[in-house]
Amino acid sequence: MSGGTSSKMSSGYRYEANVIVFVALIGALRICHSMLSYPCLTTKFFGTFLLIFTTFFAFTWSRYHSSGLTRRRRAHFNELNVIETYQISSRDPDYDFIVSILL
């Protein structure tokens, strides 16, 4: 993306992207199931690792992006924006602790 373009997605693209990720998660879980049902121990080990990774990814994705599965426009708190823009170094060190309040 160039510097002049906006980084916000329209709600239609956000919905489609979330549906694609949801379908990819279903595909990954099907692969995990087939790997875990295979009799080879090495395949079961990699299937277990893939299942743990997929579970962690799905949990994290659902916390941050599952609100995009609706086509309705609604106000929501953008956690990712807060995480990306929060700068603790730009604050005064005494900002959190003000002595005059205690006296």
C-alpha atoms as a PDB file:
ATOM      1  CA  MET A   1       0.000   0.000   0.000  1.00  0.00           C
ATOM      2  CA  SER A   2       1.206   3.471  -0.742  1.00  0.00           C
ATOM      3  CA  GLY A   3       1.434   6.131   1.927  1.00  0.00           C
ATOM      4  CA  GLY A   4      -1.598   8.054   0.700  1.00  0.00           C
ATOM      5  CA  THR A   5      -4.116   5.224   0.756  1.00  0.00           C
ATOM      6  CA  SER A   6      -6.271   4.329   3.695  1.00  0.00           C
ATOM      7  CA  SER A   7      -5.604   1.077   5.538  1.00  0.00           C
ATOM      8  CA  LYS A   8      -9.270   0.528   6.401  1.00  0.00           C
ATOM      9  CA  MET A   9     -11.184  -2.225   4.636  1.00  0.00           C
ATOM     10  CA  SER A  10     -14.743  -1.852   3.476  1.00  0.00           C
ATOM     11  CA  SER A  11     -17.240  -4.012   5.328  1.00  0.00           C
ATOM     12  CA  GLY A  12     -17.852  -6.190   2.240  1.00  0.00           C
ATOM     13  CA  TYR A  13     -14.178  -7.087   1.878  1.00  0.00           C
ATOM     14  CA  ARG A  14     -13.857  -7.640   5.603  1.00  0.00           C
ATOM     15  CA  TYR A  15     -16.798 -10.067   5.548  1.00  0.00           C
ATOM     16  CA  GLU A  16     -15.360 -11.976   2.569  1.00  0.00           C
ATOM     17  CA  ALA A  17     -11.914 -12.164   4.160  1.00  0.00           C
ATOM     18  CA  ASN A  18     -13.398 -13.523   7.383  1.00  0.00           C
ATOM     19  CA  VAL A  19     -15.400 -16.154   5.510  1.00  0.00           C
ATOM     20  CA  ILE A  20     -12.241 -17.254   3.655  1.00  0.00           C
ATOM     21  CA  VAL A  21     -10.328 -17.567   6.947  1.00  0.00           C
ATOM     22  CA  PHE A  22     -13.247 -19.496   8.460  1.00  0.00           C
ATOM     23  CA  VAL A  23     -13.267 -21.953   5.525  1.00  0.00           C
ATOM     24  CA  ALA A  24      -9.469 -22.308   5.782  1.00  0.00           C
ATOM     25  CA  LEU A  25      -9.820 -23.165   9.475  1.00  0.00           C
ATOM     26  CA  ILE A  26     -12.353 -25.856   8.615  1.00  0.00           C
ATOM     27  CA  GLY A  27      -9.940 -27.262   6.023  1.00  0.00           C
ATOM     28  CA  ALA A  28      -7.081 -27.247   8.540  1.00  0.00           C
ATOM     29  CA  LEU A  29      -9.215 -29.109  11.074  1.00  0.00           C
ATOM     30  CA  ARG A  30     -10.122 -31.722   8.454  1.00  0.00           C
ATOM     31  CA  ILE A  31      -6.413 -32.215   7.709  1.00  0.00           C
ATOM     32  CA  CYS A  32      -5.739 -32.554  11.454  1.00  0.00           C
ATOM     33  CA  HIS A  33      -8.460 -35.183  11.760  1.00  0.00           C
ATOM     34  CA  SER A  34      -7.092 -37.206   8.856  1.00  0.00           C
ATOM     35  CA  MET A  35      -3.541 -36.984  10.255  1.00  0.00           C
ATOM     36  CA  LEU A  36      -4.661 -38.079  13.717  1.00  0.00           C
ATOM     37  CA  SER A  37      -6.575 -41.071  12.354  1.00  0.00           C
ATOM     38  CA  TYR A  38      -3.517 -42.298  10.389  1.00  0.00           C
ATOM     39  CA  PRO A  39      -1.761 -45.237  12.139  1.00  0.00           C
ATOM     40  CA  CYS A  40       1.803 -43.813  11.868  1.00  0.00           C
ATOM     41  CA  LEU A  41       3.072 -42.240  15.108  1.00  0.00           C
ATOM     42  CA  THR A  42       5.030 -39.487  13.318  1.00  0.00           C
ATOM     43  CA  THR A  43       1.940 -38.410  11.407  1.00  0.00           C
ATOM     44  CA  LYS A  44      -0.048 -38.327  14.649  1.00  0.00           C
ATOM     45  CA  PHE A  45       2.654 -36.138  16.223  1.00  0.00           C
ATOM     46  CA  PHE A  46       2.510 -33.608  13.369  1.00  0.00           C
ATOM     47  CA  GLY A  47      -1.285 -33.784  13.413  1.00  0.00           C
ATOM     48  CA  THR A  48      -1.283 -32.955  17.121  1.00  0.00           C
ATOM     49  CA  PHE A  49       1.096 -30.035  16.568  1.00  0.00           C
ATOM     50  CA  LEU A  50      -1.065 -28.739  13.705  1.00  0.00           C
ATOM     51  CA  LEU A  51      -4.192 -29.131  15.842  1.00  0.00           C
ATOM     52  CA  ILE A  52      -2.668 -27.131  18.714  1.00  0.00           C
ATOM     53  CA  PHE A  53      -1.508 -24.395  16.322  1.00  0.00           C
ATOM     54  CA  THR A  54      -4.904 -24.271  14.577  1.00  0.00           C
ATOM     55  CA  THR A  55      -6.713 -24.081  17.917  1.00  0.00           C
ATOM     56  CA  PHE A  56      -4.508 -21.203  19.098  1.00  0.00           C
ATOM     57  CA  PHE A  57      -4.933 -19.376  15.792  1.00  0.00           C
ATOM     58  CA  ALA A  58      -8.718 -19.864  15.807  1.00  0.00           C
ATOM     59  CA  PHE A  59      -8.996 -18.596  19.384  1.00  0.00           C
ATOM     60  CA  THR A  60      -6.905 -15.500  18.644  1.00  0.00           C
ATOM     61  CA  TRP A  61      -8.689 -14.841  15.358  1.00  0.00           C
ATOM     62  CA  SER A  62     -12.121 -15.136  16.952  1.00  0.00           C
ATOM     63  CA  ARG A  63     -11.180 -12.653  19.678  1.00  0.00           C
ATOM     64  CA  TYR A  64     -10.073  -9.960  17.235  1.00  0.00           C
ATOM     65  CA  HIS A  65     -11.842 -10.517  13.930  1.00  0.00           C
ATOM     66  CA  SER A  66     -15.031 -12.525  14.412  1.00  0.00           C
ATOM     67  CA  SER A  67     -17.086  -9.326  14.623  1.00  0.00           C
ATOM     68  CA  GLY A  68     -16.465  -8.959  10.888  1.00  0.00           C
ATOM     69  CA  LEU A  69     -18.675 -11.970  10.138  1.00  0.00           C
ATOM     70  CA  THR A  70     -21.722  -9.741  10.059  1.00  0.00           C
ATOM     71  CA  ARG A  71     -22.561  -7.427   7.193  1.00  0.00           C
ATOM     72  CA  ARG A  72     -24.212  -4.914   9.498  1.00  0.00           C
ATOM     73  CA  ARG A  73     -22.280  -1.756  10.219  1.00  0.00           C
ATOM     74  CA  ARG A  74     -21.847  -1.214  13.913  1.00  0.00           C
ATOM     75  CA  ALA A  75     -19.430   0.595  16.140  1.00  0.00           C
ATOM     76  CA  HIS A  76     -16.821  -1.617  17.722  1.00  0.00           C
ATOM     77  CA  PHE A  77     -13.700  -1.193  19.776  1.00  0.00           C
ATOM     78  CA  ASN A  78     -10.641  -1.810  17.601  1.00  0.00           C
ATOM     79  CA  GLU A  79      -8.213  -3.675  19.889  1.00  0.00           C
ATOM     80  CA  LEU A  80      -5.563  -4.029  17.203  1.00  0.00           C
ATOM     81  CA  ASN A  81      -5.423  -0.272  16.660  1.00  0.00           C
ATOM     82  CA  VAL A  82      -4.892   0.320  20.381  1.00  0.00           C
ATOM     83  CA  ILE A  83      -2.118  -2.279  20.513  1.00  0.00           C
ATOM     84  CA  GLU A  84      -0.375  -0.824  17.454  1.00  0.00           C
ATOM     85  CA  THR A  85      -0.633   2.853  18.436  1.00  0.00           C
ATOM     86  CA  TYR A  86      -0.048   2.712  22.203  1.00  0.00           C
ATOM     87  CA  GLN A  87       3.323   4.260  23.027  1.00  0.00           C
ATOM     88  CA  ILE A  88       4.373   4.156  26.636  1.00  0.00           C
ATOM     89  CA  SER A  89       7.592   6.068  25.871  1.00  0.00           C
ATOM     90  CA  SER A  90       5.670   9.221  24.878  1.00  0.00           C
ATOM     91  CA  ARG A  91       4.154   9.631  28.349  1.00  0.00           C
ATOM     92  CA  ASP A  92       5.630  11.447  31.318  1.00  0.00           C
ATOM     93  CA  PRO A  93       7.064   8.992  33.891  1.00  0.00           C
ATOM     94  CA  ASP A  94       5.072  10.666  36.683  1.00  0.00           C
ATOM     95  CA  TYR A  95       1.797  10.557  34.752  1.00  0.00           C
ATOM     96  CA  ASP A  96       0.444   7.475  36.529  1.00  0.00           C
ATOM     97  CA  PHE A  97       1.545   8.482  40.007  1.00  0.00           C
ATOM     98  CA  ILE A  98       0.626  11.986  41.109  1.00  0.00           C
ATOM     99  CA  VAL A  99       1.773  12.814  44.647  1.00  0.00           C
ATOM    100  CA  SER A 100      -0.573  15.785  45.068  1.00  0.00           C
ATOM    101  CA  ILE A 101      -3.585  13.476  45.070  1.00  0.00           C
ATOM    102  CA  LEU A 102      -2.228  11.545  48.035  1.00  0.00           C
ATOM    103  CA  LEU A 103      -1.382  14.608  50.157  1.00  0.00           C
END
